């Protein structure tokens, strides 16, 4: 966000107002910035930023997922919110991701054909998932 503020030569508050008013199309700005970063290589993108570049070739595209109930419990604990509120947040996040990928690429963000590696972290845990990703990267580099 600091880069955006610097790029637009505005305060955070001014940039936020420009985004709310529609003067700045934040989605286009983030899409452009993500693509610029990816084109330079040697990076790891995660979360929503990674969704913006699903159509760009990369060394490895990984889809990590976790059972909905575990995501809700984790979020409730992390944010100190009720389970119901966490469920609404999880569902909202999934909906927003789906809408963005459908808008950009006319497909679903859960379309497993988009990814090289798919890991259910409910089954593997985070440490094993990280190890699997590292091995996949090493394997690709040695191929």
C-alpha atoms as a PDB file:
ATOM      1  CA  UNK A   1       0.000   0.000   0.000  1.00  0.00           C
ATOM      2  CA  UNK A   2       2.934   2.305   0.690  1.00  0.00           C
ATOM      3  CA  UNK A   3       4.027   1.886  -2.932  1.00  0.00           C
ATOM      4  CA  UNK A   4       0.591   2.951  -4.119  1.00  0.00           C
ATOM      5  CA  UNK A   5       0.592   6.015  -1.897  1.00  0.00           C
ATOM      6  CA  UNK A   6       4.065   6.949  -3.183  1.00  0.00           C
ATOM      7  CA  UNK A   7       3.098   6.261  -6.792  1.00  0.00           C
ATOM      8  CA  UNK A   8       0.057   8.530  -6.600  1.00  0.00           C
ATOM      9  CA  UNK A   9       1.924  11.110  -4.484  1.00  0.00           C
ATOM     10  CA  UNK A  10      -0.970  11.324  -2.055  1.00  0.00           C
ATOM     11  CA  UNK A  11      -1.530  10.599   1.591  1.00  0.00           C
ATOM     12  CA  UNK A  12      -3.101   7.290   2.503  1.00  0.00           C
ATOM     13  CA  UNK A  13      -6.335   9.107   3.357  1.00  0.00           C
ATOM     14  CA  UNK A  14      -6.399  10.903  -0.003  1.00  0.00           C
ATOM     15  CA  UNK A  15      -5.736   7.697  -1.915  1.00  0.00           C
ATOM     16  CA  UNK A  16      -8.445   5.896   0.061  1.00  0.00           C
ATOM     17  CA  UNK A  17     -10.929   8.628  -0.859  1.00  0.00           C
ATOM     18  CA  UNK A  18      -9.919   8.446  -4.543  1.00  0.00           C
ATOM     19  CA  UNK A  19     -10.500   4.688  -4.477  1.00  0.00           C
ATOM     20  CA  UNK A  20     -13.896   5.050  -2.781  1.00  0.00           C
ATOM     21  CA  UNK A  21     -14.970   7.735  -5.254  1.00  0.00           C
ATOM     22  CA  UNK A  22     -13.900   5.630  -8.225  1.00  0.00           C
ATOM     23  CA  UNK A  23     -11.277   8.138  -9.353  1.00  0.00           C
ATOM     24  CA  UNK A  24      -8.644   5.431  -8.899  1.00  0.00           C
ATOM     25  CA  UNK A  25      -9.496   1.917 -10.109  1.00  0.00           C
ATOM     26  CA  UNK A  26      -7.647  -0.024  -7.459  1.00  0.00           C
ATOM     27  CA  UNK A  27      -8.237  -3.365  -9.171  1.00  0.00           C
ATOM     28  CA  UNK A  28      -6.515  -2.167 -12.344  1.00  0.00           C
ATOM     29  CA  UNK A  29      -3.653  -0.665 -10.377  1.00  0.00           C
ATOM     30  CA  UNK A  30      -3.113  -3.859  -8.363  1.00  0.00           C
ATOM     31  CA  UNK A  31      -3.389  -6.007 -11.475  1.00  0.00           C
ATOM     32  CA  UNK A  32      -0.769  -3.911 -13.257  1.00  0.00           C
ATOM     33  CA  UNK A  33       1.580  -3.872 -10.269  1.00  0.00           C
ATOM     34  CA  UNK A  34       1.266  -7.636  -9.747  1.00  0.00           C
ATOM     35  CA  UNK A  35       2.015  -8.321 -13.394  1.00  0.00           C
ATOM     36  CA  UNK A  36       5.057  -6.020 -13.292  1.00  0.00           C
ATOM     37  CA  UNK A  37       6.430  -7.808 -10.232  1.00  0.00           C
ATOM     38  CA  UNK A  38       5.854 -11.263 -11.732  1.00  0.00           C
ATOM     39  CA  UNK A  39       7.507 -10.317 -15.023  1.00  0.00           C
ATOM     40  CA  UNK A  40      10.767  -9.685 -13.136  1.00  0.00           C
ATOM     41  CA  UNK A  41      10.756 -13.236 -11.718  1.00  0.00           C
ATOM     42  CA  UNK A  42      12.287 -14.648  -8.560  1.00  0.00           C
ATOM     43  CA  UNK A  43       9.263 -13.960  -6.349  1.00  0.00           C
ATOM     44  CA  UNK A  44       6.555 -15.723  -4.406  1.00  0.00           C
ATOM     45  CA  UNK A  45       3.043 -14.313  -4.546  1.00  0.00           C
ATOM     46  CA  UNK A  46       0.345 -15.539  -2.202  1.00  0.00           C
ATOM     47  CA  UNK A  47      -3.280 -14.869  -1.541  1.00  0.00           C
ATOM     48  CA  UNK A  48      -5.256 -12.414  -3.613  1.00  0.00           C
ATOM     49  CA  UNK A  49      -2.201 -11.040  -5.394  1.00  0.00           C
ATOM     50  CA  UNK A  50      -1.481 -14.487  -6.786  1.00  0.00           C
ATOM     51  CA  UNK A  51      -5.012 -14.701  -8.145  1.00  0.00           C
ATOM     52  CA  UNK A  52      -4.326 -11.631 -10.282  1.00  0.00           C
ATOM     53  CA  UNK A  53      -1.633 -13.422 -12.271  1.00  0.00           C
ATOM     54  CA  UNK A  54      -3.106 -16.881 -12.770  1.00  0.00           C
ATOM     55  CA  UNK A  55      -2.811 -16.463 -16.539  1.00  0.00           C
ATOM     56  CA  UNK A  56       0.917 -15.675 -16.500  1.00  0.00           C
ATOM     57  CA  UNK A  57       3.376 -18.575 -16.851  1.00  0.00           C
ATOM     58  CA  UNK A  58       5.364 -19.212 -13.683  1.00  0.00           C
ATOM     59  CA  UNK A  59       7.675 -21.773 -12.154  1.00  0.00           C
ATOM     60  CA  UNK A  60       5.023 -23.205  -9.886  1.00  0.00           C
ATOM     61  CA  UNK A  61       1.402 -22.397  -9.096  1.00  0.00           C
ATOM     62  CA  UNK A  62       0.201 -23.863  -5.816  1.00  0.00           C
ATOM     63  CA  UNK A  63      -3.338 -24.031  -4.488  1.00  0.00           C
ATOM     64  CA  UNK A  64      -3.501 -24.463  -0.724  1.00  0.00           C
ATOM     65  CA  UNK A  65      -6.865 -25.179   0.778  1.00  0.00           C
ATOM     66  CA  UNK A  66      -8.247 -26.089   4.151  1.00  0.00           C
ATOM     67  CA  UNK A  67     -11.592 -27.459   5.295  1.00  0.00           C
ATOM     68  CA  UNK A  68     -14.145 -24.672   5.787  1.00  0.00           C
ATOM     69  CA  UNK A  69     -14.769 -25.518   9.450  1.00  0.00           C
ATOM     70  CA  UNK A  70     -11.044 -25.369  10.234  1.00  0.00           C
ATOM     71  CA  UNK A  71     -10.749 -22.033   8.423  1.00  0.00           C
ATOM     72  CA  UNK A  72     -13.615 -20.670  10.503  1.00  0.00           C
ATOM     73  CA  UNK A  73     -12.091 -21.873  13.785  1.00  0.00           C
ATOM     74  CA  UNK A  74      -8.674 -20.475  12.856  1.00  0.00           C
ATOM     75  CA  UNK A  75     -10.080 -17.079  11.871  1.00  0.00           C
ATOM     76  CA  UNK A  76     -12.278 -16.819  14.963  1.00  0.00           C
ATOM     77  CA  UNK A  77      -9.301 -17.534  17.199  1.00  0.00           C
ATOM     78  CA  UNK A  78      -6.891 -15.287  15.338  1.00  0.00           C
ATOM     79  CA  UNK A  79      -9.200 -12.278  15.265  1.00  0.00           C
ATOM     80  CA  UNK A  80     -10.989 -12.918  18.534  1.00  0.00           C
ATOM     81  CA  UNK A  81     -14.395 -12.926  16.841  1.00  0.00           C
ATOM     82  CA  UNK A  82     -17.421 -15.170  17.107  1.00  0.00           C
ATOM     83  CA  UNK A  83     -17.656 -18.337  15.084  1.00  0.00           C
ATOM     84  CA  UNK A  84     -20.644 -16.915  13.179  1.00  0.00           C
ATOM     85  CA  UNK A  85     -18.748 -13.755  12.287  1.00  0.00           C
ATOM     86  CA  UNK A  86     -15.757 -15.813  11.178  1.00  0.00           C
ATOM     87  CA  UNK A  87     -18.029 -17.977   8.995  1.00  0.00           C
ATOM     88  CA  UNK A  88     -19.389 -14.846   7.322  1.00  0.00           C
ATOM     89  CA  UNK A  89     -15.835 -13.598   6.721  1.00  0.00           C
ATOM     90  CA  UNK A  90     -14.689 -16.918   5.241  1.00  0.00           C
ATOM     91  CA  UNK A  91     -17.714 -17.037   2.939  1.00  0.00           C
ATOM     92  CA  UNK A  92     -17.243 -13.391   1.926  1.00  0.00           C
ATOM     93  CA  UNK A  93     -13.577 -13.976   1.142  1.00  0.00           C
ATOM     94  CA  UNK A  94     -14.384 -17.017  -0.985  1.00  0.00           C
ATOM     95  CA  UNK A  95     -17.114 -15.115  -2.810  1.00  0.00           C
ATOM     96  CA  UNK A  96     -14.806 -12.153  -3.528  1.00  0.00           C
ATOM     97  CA  UNK A  97     -12.075 -14.444  -4.834  1.00  0.00           C
ATOM     98  CA  UNK A  98     -14.550 -16.244  -7.055  1.00  0.00           C
ATOM     99  CA  UNK A  99     -15.929 -12.979  -8.436  1.00  0.00           C
ATOM    100  CA  UNK A 100     -12.471 -11.560  -9.187  1.00  0.00           C
ATOM    101  CA  UNK A 101     -11.184 -14.659 -10.981  1.00  0.00           C
ATOM    102  CA  UNK A 102     -14.456 -15.018 -12.905  1.00  0.00           C
ATOM    103  CA  UNK A 103     -14.201 -11.368 -13.966  1.00  0.00           C
ATOM    104  CA  UNK A 104     -10.561 -11.579 -15.029  1.00  0.00           C
ATOM    105  CA  UNK A 105     -10.307 -15.088 -16.452  1.00  0.00           C
ATOM    106  CA  UNK A 106     -13.855 -16.415 -16.911  1.00  0.00           C
ATOM    107  CA  UNK A 107     -13.158 -19.396 -14.670  1.00  0.00           C
ATOM    108  CA  UNK A 108     -13.273 -20.413 -11.021  1.00  0.00           C
ATOM    109  CA  UNK A 109     -10.394 -19.841  -8.620  1.00  0.00           C
ATOM    110  CA  UNK A 110     -10.987 -23.424  -7.454  1.00  0.00           C
ATOM    111  CA  UNK A 111     -10.439 -24.836 -10.962  1.00  0.00           C
ATOM    112  CA  UNK A 112      -7.584 -27.179 -10.125  1.00  0.00           C
ATOM    113  CA  UNK A 113      -6.347 -27.156 -13.725  1.00  0.00           C
ATOM    114  CA  UNK A 114      -4.939 -23.673 -13.033  1.00  0.00           C
ATOM    115  CA  UNK A 115      -2.411 -25.028 -10.566  1.00  0.00           C
ATOM    116  CA  UNK A 116       0.639 -27.281 -10.709  1.00  0.00           C
ATOM    117  CA  UNK A 117       0.326 -28.481  -7.131  1.00  0.00           C
ATOM    118  CA  UNK A 118      -2.764 -28.750  -4.905  1.00  0.00           C
ATOM    119  CA  UNK A 119      -2.394 -29.317  -1.163  1.00  0.00           C
ATOM    120  CA  UNK A 120      -5.090 -29.839   1.460  1.00  0.00           C
ATOM    121  CA  UNK A 121      -3.492 -28.303   4.544  1.00  0.00           C
ATOM    122  CA  UNK A 122      -6.218 -29.876   6.694  1.00  0.00           C
ATOM    123  CA  UNK A 123      -4.493 -33.180   5.935  1.00  0.00           C
ATOM    124  CA  UNK A 124      -0.837 -32.145   5.651  1.00  0.00           C
ATOM    125  CA  UNK A 125      -0.462 -29.241   8.052  1.00  0.00           C
ATOM    126  CA  UNK A 126       1.576 -26.190   7.141  1.00  0.00           C
ATOM    127  CA  UNK A 127       5.075 -27.605   7.662  1.00  0.00           C
ATOM    128  CA  UNK A 128       4.561 -30.570   5.363  1.00  0.00           C
ATOM    129  CA  UNK A 129       2.854 -28.315   2.822  1.00  0.00           C
ATOM    130  CA  UNK A 130       5.896 -26.027   2.846  1.00  0.00           C
ATOM    131  CA  UNK A 131       8.221 -29.016   2.391  1.00  0.00           C
ATOM    132  CA  UNK A 132       6.154 -30.312  -0.531  1.00  0.00           C
ATOM    133  CA  UNK A 133       6.287 -26.904  -2.204  1.00  0.00           C
ATOM    134  CA  UNK A 134      10.055 -26.656  -1.747  1.00  0.00           C
ATOM    135  CA  UNK A 135      10.532 -30.127  -3.225  1.00  0.00           C
ATOM    136  CA  UNK A 136       8.342 -29.232  -6.195  1.00  0.00           C
ATOM    137  CA  UNK A 137      10.377 -26.075  -6.833  1.00  0.00           C
ATOM    138  CA  UNK A 138      13.662 -28.014  -6.603  1.00  0.00           C
ATOM    139  CA  UNK A 139      12.310 -30.671  -8.920  1.00  0.00           C
ATOM    140  CA  UNK A 140      11.254 -28.106 -11.500  1.00  0.00           C
ATOM    141  CA  UNK A 141      14.615 -26.380 -11.392  1.00  0.00           C
ATOM    142  CA  UNK A 142      16.456 -29.686 -11.881  1.00  0.00           C
ATOM    143  CA  UNK A 143      14.227 -30.816 -14.750  1.00  0.00           C
END
